[in-house]
C-alpha atoms as a PDB file:
ATOM      1  CA  UNK A   1      17.944  17.535  19.572  1.00  0.00           C
ATOM      2  CA  UNK A   2      20.683  17.201  17.192  1.00  0.00           C
ATOM      3  CA  UNK A   3      22.263  20.130  15.278  1.00  0.00           C
ATOM      4  CA  UNK A   4      24.034  20.225  12.061  1.00  0.00           C
ATOM      5  CA  UNK A   5      27.728  20.298  12.025  1.00  0.00           C
ATOM      6  CA  UNK A   6      29.622  23.896  10.978  1.00  0.00           C
ATOM      7  CA  UNK A   7      30.945  23.805   7.711  1.00  0.00           C
ATOM      8  CA  UNK A   8      34.092  24.997   9.530  1.00  0.00           C
ATOM      9  CA  UNK A   9      34.369  22.124  12.418  1.00  0.00           C
ATOM     10  CA  UNK A  10      36.976  19.645  11.219  1.00  0.00           C
ATOM     11  CA  UNK A  11      37.481  15.683  12.451  1.00  0.00           C
ATOM     12  CA  UNK A  12      39.819  16.337  15.469  1.00  0.00           C
ATOM     13  CA  UNK A  13      41.651  12.676  16.177  1.00  0.00           C
ATOM     14  CA  UNK A  14      44.111  13.254  13.391  1.00  0.00           C
ATOM     15  CA  UNK A  15      45.424  16.683  14.914  1.00  0.00           C
ATOM     16  CA  UNK A  16      45.601  15.150  18.516  1.00  0.00           C
ATOM     17  CA  UNK A  17      47.902  12.223  16.958  1.00  0.00           C
ATOM     18  CA  UNK A  18      49.550  15.298  15.269  1.00  0.00           C
ATOM     19  CA  UNK A  19      50.654  17.036  18.373  1.00  0.00           C
ATOM     20  CA  UNK A  20      51.171  13.328  19.952  1.00  0.00           C
ATOM     21  CA  UNK A  21      53.592  12.140  17.503  1.00  0.00           C
ATOM     22  CA  UNK A  22      55.172  15.554  18.097  1.00  0.00           C
ATOM     23  CA  UNK A  23      55.298  15.195  21.842  1.00  0.00           C
ATOM     24  CA  UNK A  24      57.039  11.439  20.530  1.00  0.00           C
ATOM     25  CA  UNK A  25      59.422  12.576  18.424  1.00  0.00           C
ATOM     26  CA  UNK A  26      61.237  15.203  20.069  1.00  0.00           C
ATOM     27  CA  UNK A  27      62.907  13.104  22.937  1.00  0.00           C
ATOM     28  CA  UNK A  28      63.513  10.712  20.374  1.00  0.00           C
ATOM     29  CA  UNK A  29      65.956  13.236  19.031  1.00  0.00           C
ATOM     30  CA  UNK A  30      67.299  13.718  22.211  1.00  0.00           C
ATOM     31  CA  UNK A  31      68.211  10.688  23.088  1.00  0.00           C
ATOM     32  CA  UNK A  32      70.214   9.325  19.537  1.00  0.00           C
ATOM     33  CA  UNK A  33      71.901  12.437  20.179  1.00  0.00           C
ATOM     34  CA  UNK A  34      73.052  11.183  23.460  1.00  0.00           C
ATOM     35  CA  UNK A  35      73.609   7.837  21.444  1.00  0.00           C
ATOM     36  CA  UNK A  36      75.833   9.525  19.247  1.00  0.00           C
ATOM     37  CA  UNK A  37      77.464  11.748  21.927  1.00  0.00           C
ATOM     38  CA  UNK A  38      78.337   8.621  24.323  1.00  0.00           C
ATOM     39  CA  UNK A  39      79.196   6.829  21.100  1.00  0.00           C
ATOM     40  CA  UNK A  40      77.262   4.038  22.442  1.00  0.00           C
ATOM     41  CA  UNK A  41      75.420   2.752  18.326  1.00  0.00           C
ATOM     42  CA  UNK A  42      77.255  -0.187  18.798  1.00  0.00           C
ATOM     43  CA  UNK A  43      76.006  -1.562  22.336  1.00  0.00           C
ATOM     44  CA  UNK A  44      74.075  -3.466  20.907  1.00  0.00           C
ATOM     45  CA  UNK A  45      75.458  -5.469  18.229  1.00  0.00           C
ATOM     46  CA  UNK A  46      72.461  -6.827  17.040  1.00  0.00           C
ATOM     47  CA  UNK A  47      69.056  -6.077  15.023  1.00  0.00           C
ATOM     48  CA  UNK A  48      66.492  -5.690  15.070  1.00  0.00           C
ATOM     49  CA  UNK A  49      66.621  -8.203  18.192  1.00  0.00           C
ATOM     50  CA  UNK A  50      68.316  -6.742  21.329  1.00  0.00           C
ATOM     51  CA  UNK A  51      71.397  -9.139  22.263  1.00  0.00           C
ATOM     52  CA  UNK A  52      69.028 -11.740  21.197  1.00  0.00           C
ATOM     53  CA  UNK A  53      65.703 -10.817  22.846  1.00  0.00           C
ATOM     54  CA  UNK A  54      63.034  -9.578  21.059  1.00  0.00           C
ATOM     55  CA  UNK A  55      63.271  -5.500  21.068  1.00  0.00           C
ATOM     56  CA  UNK A  56      59.877  -5.245  23.482  1.00  0.00           C
ATOM     57  CA  UNK A  57      60.863  -8.757  25.807  1.00  0.00           C
ATOM     58  CA  UNK A  58      64.129  -7.339  26.842  1.00  0.00           C
ATOM     59  CA  UNK A  59      64.416  -7.994  30.430  1.00  0.00           C
ATOM     60  CA  UNK A  60      63.801  -4.880  32.099  1.00  0.00           C
ATOM     61  CA  UNK A  61      66.039  -5.449  34.427  1.00  0.00           C
ATOM     62  CA  UNK A  62      69.110  -5.704  32.631  1.00  0.00           C
ATOM     63  CA  UNK A  63      68.220  -2.921  30.683  1.00  0.00           C
ATOM     64  CA  UNK A  64      67.206  -0.526  33.965  1.00  0.00           C
ATOM     65  CA  UNK A  65      70.270  -1.567  36.091  1.00  0.00           C
ATOM     66  CA  UNK A  66      72.682  -2.152  33.229  1.00  0.00           C
ATOM     67  CA  UNK A  67      75.615  -0.506  31.651  1.00  0.00           C
ATOM     68  CA  UNK A  68      74.541   3.392  30.011  1.00  0.00           C
ATOM     69  CA  UNK A  69      75.239   2.419  26.669  1.00  0.00           C
ATOM     70  CA  UNK A  70      73.052  -0.240  26.835  1.00  0.00           C
ATOM     71  CA  UNK A  71      70.806   2.437  28.505  1.00  0.00           C
ATOM     72  CA  UNK A  72      70.512   4.802  26.316  1.00  0.00           C
ATOM     73  CA  UNK A  73      70.361   2.663  22.903  1.00  0.00           C
ATOM     74  CA  UNK A  74      68.124   0.312  23.840  1.00  0.00           C
ATOM     75  CA  UNK A  75      65.549   2.945  25.000  1.00  0.00           C
ATOM     76  CA  UNK A  76      66.611   4.895  22.009  1.00  0.00           C
ATOM     77  CA  UNK A  77      65.092   2.081  19.911  1.00  0.00           C
ATOM     78  CA  UNK A  78      62.175   1.659  22.418  1.00  0.00           C
ATOM     79  CA  UNK A  79      61.431   4.956  21.118  1.00  0.00           C
ATOM     80  CA  UNK A  80      61.984   4.820  17.896  1.00  0.00           C
ATOM     81  CA  UNK A  81      59.183   1.791  18.026  1.00  0.00           C
ATOM     82  CA  UNK A  82      56.955   4.425  20.158  1.00  0.00           C
ATOM     83  CA  UNK A  83      57.437   6.833  17.295  1.00  0.00           C
ATOM     84  CA  UNK A  84      56.709   4.115  14.382  1.00  0.00           C
ATOM     85  CA  UNK A  85      53.377   3.145  15.911  1.00  0.00           C
ATOM     86  CA  UNK A  86      51.813   6.389  16.970  1.00  0.00           C
ATOM     87  CA  UNK A  87      52.825   6.913  13.113  1.00  0.00           C
ATOM     88  CA  UNK A  88      50.965   3.998  11.924  1.00  0.00           C
ATOM     89  CA  UNK A  89      48.041   5.733  14.244  1.00  0.00           C
ATOM     90  CA  UNK A  90      48.447   8.961  13.077  1.00  0.00           C
ATOM     91  CA  UNK A  91      47.851   7.639   9.668  1.00  0.00           C
ATOM     92  CA  UNK A  92      44.354   5.335  10.085  1.00  0.00           C
ATOM     93  CA  UNK A  93      42.990   8.676  11.656  1.00  0.00           C
ATOM     94  CA  UNK A  94      43.780  10.771   8.449  1.00  0.00           C
ATOM     95  CA  UNK A  95      42.733   8.358   6.151  1.00  0.00           C
ATOM     96  CA  UNK A  96      39.695   7.614   8.410  1.00  0.00           C
ATOM     97  CA  UNK A  97      38.031  11.324   9.301  1.00  0.00           C
ATOM     98  CA  UNK A  98      40.441  13.808   6.800  1.00  0.00           C
ATOM     99  CA  UNK A  99      39.219  14.047   3.069  1.00  0.00           C
ATOM    100  CA  UNK A 100      41.643  16.132   2.025  1.00  0.00           C
ATOM    101  CA  UNK A 101      43.634  13.236  -0.371  1.00  0.00           C
ATOM    102  CA  UNK A 102      47.106  15.563  -0.201  1.00  0.00           C
ATOM    103  CA  UNK A 103      46.876  14.543   2.933  1.00  0.00           C
ATOM    104  CA  UNK A 104      46.614  11.829   3.127  1.00  0.00           C
ATOM    105  CA  UNK A 105      50.295  11.573   0.985  1.00  0.00           C
ATOM    106  CA  UNK A 106      51.669  13.731   3.626  1.00  0.00           C
ATOM    107  CA  UNK A 107      50.728  10.936   6.714  1.00  0.00           C
ATOM    108  CA  UNK A 108      51.851   7.939   4.210  1.00  0.00           C
ATOM    109  CA  UNK A 109      55.203  10.041   3.611  1.00  0.00           C
ATOM    110  CA  UNK A 110      55.684  10.070   7.355  1.00  0.00           C
ATOM    111  CA  UNK A 111      54.625   6.537   7.532  1.00  0.00           C
ATOM    112  CA  UNK A 112      57.304   5.638   4.835  1.00  0.00           C
ATOM    113  CA  UNK A 113      60.105   8.500   6.125  1.00  0.00           C
ATOM    114  CA  UNK A 114      60.237   6.619  10.125  1.00  0.00           C
ATOM    115  CA  UNK A 115      60.228   2.919   8.619  1.00  0.00           C
ATOM    116  CA  UNK A 116      63.049   4.143   6.318  1.00  0.00           C
ATOM    117  CA  UNK A 117      64.616   6.267   9.472  1.00  0.00           C
ATOM    118  CA  UNK A 118      64.232   2.503  11.643  1.00  0.00           C
ATOM    119  CA  UNK A 119      66.327   0.593   8.711  1.00  0.00           C
ATOM    120  CA  UNK A 120      68.949   2.879   8.709  1.00  0.00           C
ATOM    121  CA  UNK A 121      69.117   2.618  12.606  1.00  0.00           C
ATOM    122  CA  UNK A 122      69.468  -0.791  11.838  1.00  0.00           C
ATOM    123  CA  UNK A 123      71.839  -1.118   8.699  1.00  0.00           C
ATOM    124  CA  UNK A 124      74.087   0.958  11.380  1.00  0.00           C
ATOM    125  CA  UNK A 125      74.557  -1.736  13.526  1.00  0.00           C
ATOM    126  CA  UNK A 126      74.482  -4.658  11.222  1.00  0.00           C
ATOM    127  CA  UNK A 127      77.596  -2.570   9.392  1.00  0.00           C
ATOM    128  CA  UNK A 128      78.777  -0.898  11.960  1.00  0.00           C
ATOM    129  CA  UNK A 129      78.801   2.311   9.618  1.00  0.00           C
ATOM    130  CA  UNK A 130      79.801   5.543  10.644  1.00  0.00           C
ATOM    131  CA  UNK A 131      78.057   7.054   7.377  1.00  0.00           C
ATOM    132  CA  UNK A 132      75.011   5.553   7.935  1.00  0.00           C
ATOM    133  CA  UNK A 133      74.741   7.207  11.790  1.00  0.00           C
ATOM    134  CA  UNK A 134      75.364  10.529   9.371  1.00  0.00           C
ATOM    135  CA  UNK A 135      72.669   9.725   7.797  1.00  0.00           C
ATOM    136  CA  UNK A 136      70.469   8.465  10.320  1.00  0.00           C
ATOM    137  CA  UNK A 137      71.796  11.511  12.749  1.00  0.00           C
ATOM    138  CA  UNK A 138      70.224  14.095   9.017  1.00  0.00           C
ATOM    139  CA  UNK A 139      67.074  12.412   8.673  1.00  0.00           C
ATOM    140  CA  UNK A 140      65.440  12.287  12.508  1.00  0.00           C
ATOM    141  CA  UNK A 141      65.433  16.150  12.541  1.00  0.00           C
ATOM    142  CA  UNK A 142      63.719  16.222   8.706  1.00  0.00           C
ATOM    143  CA  UNK A 143      60.900  13.763   9.909  1.00  0.00           C
ATOM    144  CA  UNK A 144      60.312  15.583  13.169  1.00  0.00           C
ATOM    145  CA  UNK A 145      59.967  18.828  11.111  1.00  0.00           C
ATOM    146  CA  UNK A 146      57.560  16.671   9.189  1.00  0.00           C
ATOM    147  CA  UNK A 147      55.205  15.028  12.104  1.00  0.00           C
ATOM    148  CA  UNK A 148      55.353  19.708  12.660  1.00  0.00           C
ATOM    149  CA  UNK A 149      54.219  20.685   9.978  1.00  0.00           C
ATOM    150  CA  UNK A 150      51.286  17.186   9.503  1.00  0.00           C
ATOM    151  CA  UNK A 151      50.133  19.192  12.740  1.00  0.00           C
ATOM    152  CA  UNK A 152      49.987  22.243  11.566  1.00  0.00           C
ATOM    153  CA  UNK A 153      47.989  21.108   8.051  1.00  0.00           C
ATOM    154  CA  UNK A 154      45.591  18.965  10.897  1.00  0.00           C
ATOM    155  CA  UNK A 155      44.968  22.074  13.612  1.00  0.00           C
ATOM    156  CA  UNK A 156      41.906  23.976  13.574  1.00  0.00           C
ATOM    157  CA  UNK A 157      43.661  27.291  12.893  1.00  0.00           C
ATOM    158  CA  UNK A 158      44.500  25.997   9.296  1.00  0.00           C
ATOM    159  CA  UNK A 159      41.410  24.604   8.222  1.00  0.00           C
ATOM    160  CA  UNK A 160      39.780  27.852   8.954  1.00  0.00           C
ATOM    161  CA  UNK A 161      38.087  28.255   5.598  1.00  0.00           C
ATOM    162  CA  UNK A 162      37.215  31.422   6.406  1.00  0.00           C
ATOM    163  CA  UNK A 163      40.748  33.019   7.093  1.00  0.00           C
ATOM    164  CA  UNK A 164      41.823  36.308   4.599  1.00  0.00           C
ATOM    165  CA  UNK A 165      44.799  36.833   5.957  1.00  0.00           C
ATOM    166  CA  UNK A 166      45.891  37.566   2.677  1.00  0.00           C
ATOM    167  CA  UNK A 167      48.751  40.402   2.187  1.00  0.00           C
ATOM    168  CA  UNK A 168      50.179  42.172  -1.308  1.00  0.00           C
ATOM    169  CA  UNK A 169      53.546  41.626  -0.151  1.00  0.00           C
ATOM    170  CA  UNK A 170      53.248  38.919   1.580  1.00  0.00           C
ATOM    171  CA  UNK A 171      55.182  36.900  -1.038  1.00  0.00           C
ATOM    172  CA  UNK A 172      58.675  38.021   0.146  1.00  0.00           C
ATOM    173  CA  UNK A 173      58.206  36.692   3.514  1.00  0.00           C
ATOM    174  CA  UNK A 174      57.211  33.285   2.364  1.00  0.00           C
ATOM    175  CA  UNK A 175      60.057  33.444   0.411  1.00  0.00           C
ATOM    176  CA  UNK A 176      62.560  34.047   3.313  1.00  0.00           C
ATOM    177  CA  UNK A 177      60.944  31.745   5.364  1.00  0.00           C
ATOM    178  CA  UNK A 178      61.311  28.667   3.030  1.00  0.00           C
ATOM    179  CA  UNK A 179      64.768  29.802   3.071  1.00  0.00           C
ATOM    180  CA  UNK A 180      65.564  30.061   6.536  1.00  0.00           C
ATOM    181  CA  UNK A 181      64.379  26.384   6.697  1.00  0.00           C
ATOM    182  CA  UNK A 182      66.932  25.354   3.716  1.00  0.00           C
ATOM    183  CA  UNK A 183      69.197  27.281   5.682  1.00  0.00           C
ATOM    184  CA  UNK A 184      69.080  25.119   8.572  1.00  0.00           C
ATOM    185  CA  UNK A 185      68.562  22.231   7.242  1.00  0.00           C
ATOM    186  CA  UNK A 186      71.794  22.610   5.690  1.00  0.00           C
ATOM    187  CA  UNK A 187      73.081  24.139   8.863  1.00  0.00           C
ATOM    188  CA  UNK A 188      72.230  20.848  10.869  1.00  0.00           C
ATOM    189  CA  UNK A 189      73.362  18.373   7.950  1.00  0.00           C
ATOM    190  CA  UNK A 190      77.012  20.362   8.314  1.00  0.00           C
ATOM    191  CA  UNK A 191      76.793  19.381  12.660  1.00  0.00           C
ATOM    192  CA  UNK A 192      76.051  16.607  12.040  1.00  0.00           C
ATOM    193  CA  UNK A 193      78.930  15.736   9.724  1.00  0.00           C
ATOM    194  CA  UNK A 194      81.415  17.628  12.290  1.00  0.00           C
ATOM    195  CA  UNK A 195      79.542  15.260  14.898  1.00  0.00           C
ATOM    196  CA  UNK A 196      81.300  12.115  13.526  1.00  0.00           C
ATOM    197  CA  UNK A 197      84.057  13.063  11.556  1.00  0.00           C
ATOM    198  CA  UNK A 198      86.246   9.671  11.673  1.00  0.00           C
ATOM    199  CA  UNK A 199      88.877   9.568  14.358  1.00  0.00           C
ATOM    200  CA  UNK A 200      91.723   9.555  11.545  1.00  0.00           C
ATOM    201  CA  UNK A 201      90.166  12.475  10.447  1.00  0.00           C
ATOM    202  CA  UNK A 202      92.984  14.946   9.131  1.00  0.00           C
ATOM    203  CA  UNK A 203      93.159  18.780  10.655  1.00  0.00           C
ATOM    204  CA  UNK A 204      92.481  20.051   7.690  1.00  0.00           C
ATOM    205  CA  UNK A 205      89.083  18.314   7.195  1.00  0.00           C
ATOM    206  CA  UNK A 206      88.290  18.866  10.849  1.00  0.00           C
ATOM    207  CA  UNK A 207      89.134  22.804  10.251  1.00  0.00           C
ATOM    208  CA  UNK A 208      87.103  22.848   6.958  1.00  0.00           C
ATOM    209  CA  UNK A 209      84.127  21.285   9.175  1.00  0.00           C
ATOM    210  CA  UNK A 210      84.263  23.862  11.599  1.00  0.00           C
ATOM    211  CA  UNK A 211      84.511  26.415   9.790  1.00  0.00           C
ATOM    212  CA  UNK A 212      81.946  26.136   7.129  1.00  0.00           C
ATOM    213  CA  UNK A 213      79.567  24.670  10.091  1.00  0.00           C
ATOM    214  CA  UNK A 214      80.327  28.422  11.699  1.00  0.00           C
ATOM    215  CA  UNK A 215      79.395  30.459   8.278  1.00  0.00           C
ATOM    216  CA  UNK A 216      76.562  28.612   7.942  1.00  0.00           C
ATOM    217  CA  UNK A 217      75.777  29.561  11.566  1.00  0.00           C
ATOM    218  CA  UNK A 218      76.645  33.107  10.439  1.00  0.00           C
ATOM    219  CA  UNK A 219      74.386  33.329   7.306  1.00  0.00           C
ATOM    220  CA  UNK A 220      71.436  31.011   9.630  1.00  0.00           C
ATOM    221  CA  UNK A 221      71.539  34.248  12.454  1.00  0.00           C
ATOM    222  CA  UNK A 222      70.903  36.866   9.431  1.00  0.00           C
ATOM    223  CA  UNK A 223      68.280  35.084   8.083  1.00  0.00           C
ATOM    224  CA  UNK A 224      66.191  34.108  11.252  1.00  0.00           C
ATOM    225  CA  UNK A 225      66.643  37.927  13.080  1.00  0.00           C
ATOM    226  CA  UNK A 226      65.546  39.679   9.044  1.00  0.00           C
ATOM    227  CA  UNK A 227      62.733  36.752   9.409  1.00  0.00           C
ATOM    228  CA  UNK A 228      61.351  37.952  12.534  1.00  0.00           C
ATOM    229  CA  UNK A 229      62.264  41.592  12.244  1.00  0.00           C
ATOM    230  CA  UNK A 230      59.987  41.667   8.789  1.00  0.00           C
ATOM    231  CA  UNK A 231      57.247  39.694  10.981  1.00  0.00           C
ATOM    232  CA  UNK A 232      57.612  41.886  13.698  1.00  0.00           C
ATOM    233  CA  UNK A 233      56.934  44.926  11.766  1.00  0.00           C
ATOM    234  CA  UNK A 234      55.028  44.009   8.999  1.00  0.00           C
ATOM    235  CA  UNK A 235      52.793  41.855  10.928  1.00  0.00           C
ATOM    236  CA  UNK A 236      52.484  41.671  14.677  1.00  0.00           C
ATOM    237  CA  UNK A 237      48.734  41.517  14.812  1.00  0.00           C
ATOM    238  CA  UNK A 238      49.315  38.301  13.115  1.00  0.00           C
ATOM    239  CA  UNK A 239      49.796  36.092  16.099  1.00  0.00           C
ATOM    240  CA  UNK A 240      50.325  33.090  14.585  1.00  0.00           C
ATOM    241  CA  UNK A 241      53.582  34.407  13.206  1.00  0.00           C
ATOM    242  CA  UNK A 242      54.738  36.543  15.829  1.00  0.00           C
ATOM    243  CA  UNK A 243      55.075  33.471  18.660  1.00  0.00           C
ATOM    244  CA  UNK A 244      56.539  31.265  16.375  1.00  0.00           C
ATOM    245  CA  UNK A 245      58.836  34.048  15.105  1.00  0.00           C
ATOM    246  CA  UNK A 246      59.689  35.561  18.809  1.00  0.00           C
ATOM    247  CA  UNK A 247      60.240  31.934  19.417  1.00  0.00           C
ATOM    248  CA  UNK A 248      62.840  30.939  16.746  1.00  0.00           C
ATOM    249  CA  UNK A 249      65.186  34.207  17.780  1.00  0.00           C
ATOM    250  CA  UNK A 250      65.204  32.853  20.752  1.00  0.00           C
ATOM    251  CA  UNK A 251      66.045  29.663  20.242  1.00  0.00           C
ATOM    252  CA  UNK A 252      68.649  30.882  17.975  1.00  0.00           C
ATOM    253  CA  UNK A 253      69.999  32.967  20.991  1.00  0.00           C
ATOM    254  CA  UNK A 254      69.831  29.741  22.888  1.00  0.00           C
ATOM    255  CA  UNK A 255      71.878  27.439  20.017  1.00  0.00           C
ATOM    256  CA  UNK A 256      74.477  30.561  19.757  1.00  0.00           C
ATOM    257  CA  UNK A 257      75.370  29.764  23.528  1.00  0.00           C
ATOM    258  CA  UNK A 258      74.655  26.383  23.308  1.00  0.00           C
ATOM    259  CA  UNK A 259      77.723  26.165  20.049  1.00  0.00           C
ATOM    260  CA  UNK A 260      80.032  28.463  22.022  1.00  0.00           C
ATOM    261  CA  UNK A 261      79.647  25.797  25.012  1.00  0.00           C
ATOM    262  CA  UNK A 262      79.844  22.827  23.259  1.00  0.00           C
ATOM    263  CA  UNK A 263      83.273  24.575  21.751  1.00  0.00           C
ATOM    264  CA  UNK A 264      84.263  24.932  25.262  1.00  0.00           C
ATOM    265  CA  UNK A 265      83.505  21.697  26.753  1.00  0.00           C
ATOM    266  CA  UNK A 266      85.167  19.686  23.598  1.00  0.00           C
ATOM    267  CA  UNK A 267      88.373  21.145  22.654  1.00  0.00           C
ATOM    268  CA  UNK A 268      89.225  24.525  25.285  1.00  0.00           C
ATOM    269  CA  UNK A 269      88.325  28.203  25.740  1.00  0.00           C
ATOM    270  CA  UNK A 270      88.868  30.525  22.571  1.00  0.00           C
ATOM    271  CA  UNK A 271      92.556  31.578  22.693  1.00  0.00           C
ATOM    272  CA  UNK A 272      91.828  35.478  24.037  1.00  0.00           C
ATOM    273  CA  UNK A 273      90.606  33.553  26.689  1.00  0.00           C
ATOM    274  CA  UNK A 274      93.261  31.229  27.847  1.00  0.00           C
ATOM    275  CA  UNK A 275      95.145  33.851  29.741  1.00  0.00           C
ATOM    276  CA  UNK A 276      91.719  34.834  32.215  1.00  0.00           C
ATOM    277  CA  UNK A 277      92.507  33.492  35.671  1.00  0.00           C
ATOM    278  CA  UNK A 278      89.574  31.641  36.128  1.00  0.00           C
ATOM    279  CA  UNK A 279      89.267  29.835  32.649  1.00  0.00           C
ATOM    280  CA  UNK A 280      92.984  27.938  33.970  1.00  0.00           C
ATOM    281  CA  UNK A 281      90.783  26.328  36.362  1.00  0.00           C
ATOM    282  CA  UNK A 282      88.449  24.277  33.857  1.00  0.00           C
ATOM    283  CA  UNK A 283      89.114  20.951  33.397  1.00  0.00           C
ATOM    284  CA  UNK A 284      87.572  19.101  29.958  1.00  0.00           C
ATOM    285  CA  UNK A 285      85.998  15.998  30.738  1.00  0.00           C
ATOM    286  CA  UNK A 286      85.519  13.718  28.222  1.00  0.00           C
ATOM    287  CA  UNK A 287      82.166  12.067  27.778  1.00  0.00           C
ATOM    288  CA  UNK A 288      81.349  13.915  31.368  1.00  0.00           C
ATOM    289  CA  UNK A 289      77.906  15.007  32.604  1.00  0.00           C
ATOM    290  CA  UNK A 290      78.506  18.380  31.106  1.00  0.00           C
ATOM    291  CA  UNK A 291      79.665  17.707  27.813  1.00  0.00           C
ATOM    292  CA  UNK A 292      77.291  15.266  27.209  1.00  0.00           C
ATOM    293  CA  UNK A 293      74.179  17.588  28.135  1.00  0.00           C
ATOM    294  CA  UNK A 294      75.754  20.418  26.404  1.00  0.00           C
ATOM    295  CA  UNK A 295      76.544  18.852  23.023  1.00  0.00           C
ATOM    296  CA  UNK A 296      73.324  16.720  23.047  1.00  0.00           C
ATOM    297  CA  UNK A 297      71.274  20.355  24.043  1.00  0.00           C
ATOM    298  CA  UNK A 298      73.472  21.577  20.586  1.00  0.00           C
ATOM    299  CA  UNK A 299      71.744  19.089  18.678  1.00  0.00           C
ATOM    300  CA  UNK A 300      68.706  18.950  19.621  1.00  0.00           C
ATOM    301  CA  UNK A 301      68.030  22.856  20.259  1.00  0.00           C
ATOM    302  CA  UNK A 302      68.964  22.811  16.103  1.00  0.00           C
ATOM    303  CA  UNK A 303      65.552  20.413  15.673  1.00  0.00           C
ATOM    304  CA  UNK A 304      64.085  23.138  17.447  1.00  0.00           C
ATOM    305  CA  UNK A 305      65.247  25.868  15.131  1.00  0.00           C
ATOM    306  CA  UNK A 306      64.371  23.677  12.130  1.00  0.00           C
ATOM    307  CA  UNK A 307      60.552  22.941  13.352  1.00  0.00           C
ATOM    308  CA  UNK A 308      60.270  26.124  14.143  1.00  0.00           C
ATOM    309  CA  UNK A 309      61.695  27.803  10.709  1.00  0.00           C
ATOM    310  CA  UNK A 310      58.832  25.243   8.505  1.00  0.00           C
ATOM    311  CA  UNK A 311      55.983  25.941  10.814  1.00  0.00           C
ATOM    312  CA  UNK A 312      56.915  30.108   9.758  1.00  0.00           C
ATOM    313  CA  UNK A 313      57.178  28.968   5.858  1.00  0.00           C
ATOM    314  CA  UNK A 314      53.379  27.006   5.952  1.00  0.00           C
ATOM    315  CA  UNK A 315      51.945  29.779   8.223  1.00  0.00           C
ATOM    316  CA  UNK A 316      52.932  32.143   5.409  1.00  0.00           C
ATOM    317  CA  UNK A 317      51.255  30.417   2.530  1.00  0.00           C
ATOM    318  CA  UNK A 318      48.321  32.009   4.459  1.00  0.00           C
ATOM    319  CA  UNK A 319      49.315  35.796   3.771  1.00  0.00           C
ATOM    320  CA  UNK A 320      50.329  34.677   0.106  1.00  0.00           C
ATOM    321  CA  UNK A 321      47.818  36.096  -2.446  1.00  0.00           C
ATOM    322  CA  UNK A 322      46.333  33.437  -3.935  1.00  0.00           C
ATOM    323  CA  UNK A 323      46.457  33.913  -8.228  1.00  0.00           C
ATOM    324  CA  UNK A 324      45.771  30.657  -9.748  1.00  0.00           C
ATOM    325  CA  UNK A 325      47.737  32.190 -12.890  1.00  0.00           C
ATOM    326  CA  UNK A 326      50.601  31.748 -11.107  1.00  0.00           C
ATOM    327  CA  UNK A 327      53.245  28.608 -11.378  1.00  0.00           C
ATOM    328  CA  UNK A 328      52.891  25.614  -9.234  1.00  0.00           C
ATOM    329  CA  UNK A 329      56.190  26.591  -7.623  1.00  0.00           C
ATOM    330  CA  UNK A 330      54.585  30.040  -6.487  1.00  0.00           C
ATOM    331  CA  UNK A 331      54.003  31.036  -2.648  1.00  0.00           C
ATOM    332  CA  UNK A 332      50.157  31.911  -4.084  1.00  0.00           C
ATOM    333  CA  UNK A 333      50.003  28.222  -5.795  1.00  0.00           C
ATOM    334  CA  UNK A 334      50.954  26.413  -2.175  1.00  0.00           C
ATOM    335  CA  UNK A 335      48.690  28.401  -0.490  1.00  0.00           C
ATOM    336  CA  UNK A 336      45.844  27.656  -3.115  1.00  0.00           C
ATOM    337  CA  UNK A 337      46.884  23.449  -2.762  1.00  0.00           C
ATOM    338  CA  UNK A 338      47.190  23.308   0.672  1.00  0.00           C
ATOM    339  CA  UNK A 339      44.149  25.139   1.869  1.00  0.00           C
END
């Protein structure tokens, strides 16, 4: 006997596709970081073909057993194609099963962004442009953050209409979470700028990029710890906030360690550590396994911080008091619009 569906049910297919897209996009961030680390962006000089072959028909023996830079560049293209297909599938799922009009526009935005990212990557190859490589490296994490947002929007928790989580003082928390996300993205852009500095950049330009990156790292650290501290102090019973808050704190700690290690493996020990006897045994190996792994991990972990920040920014909207008299940019209005 069939029973009527509960008014709190929601289609699972869009959420499953969204989670799958998140899982597929993060390795793509890793692979893109490896391409930049090994300067393999021009290992395959044609696009959208791969050395004259259709992308999907390039001989796998040549790819697997070929040069390392070709392996990671062609692998990056294949993974990008997979993410593109998953984004199309997500759109189909949302348009067929999700009745929220705004959610359909969000899905279309993800499709537009992944298409733009693919074109940016292709034009970077055709024009051999380091500037386009920089932009390409900044759009990728933004798309990753968007996939996390879509996974949140399509989740069972988000669509539970009987949630009553509003808190009178949550507006400050929401603003802090949004600012943390913005700062995380600015820091990511500064890091990409540092990674893509031209070989003929002046010493002053290099120092400026380093100090800007360090300054925003300090500012972001303050904001992340403030955000996590507020959640632990006032909203510890809200596990949907507590877990991401603890996660972003741990990711920040890992990022600071990876950032310091990146400087050591790429440049040298800090001046105060040069005199230590045990540091003198370390020799920098350009493009070595240690250098490449640490540098790429630093990039990928930054994307995880960005994704966790947007998750906190979105989930904190559930705590904001809803008031239709508030302006369109207020937290309460946003919570009402996406509920």
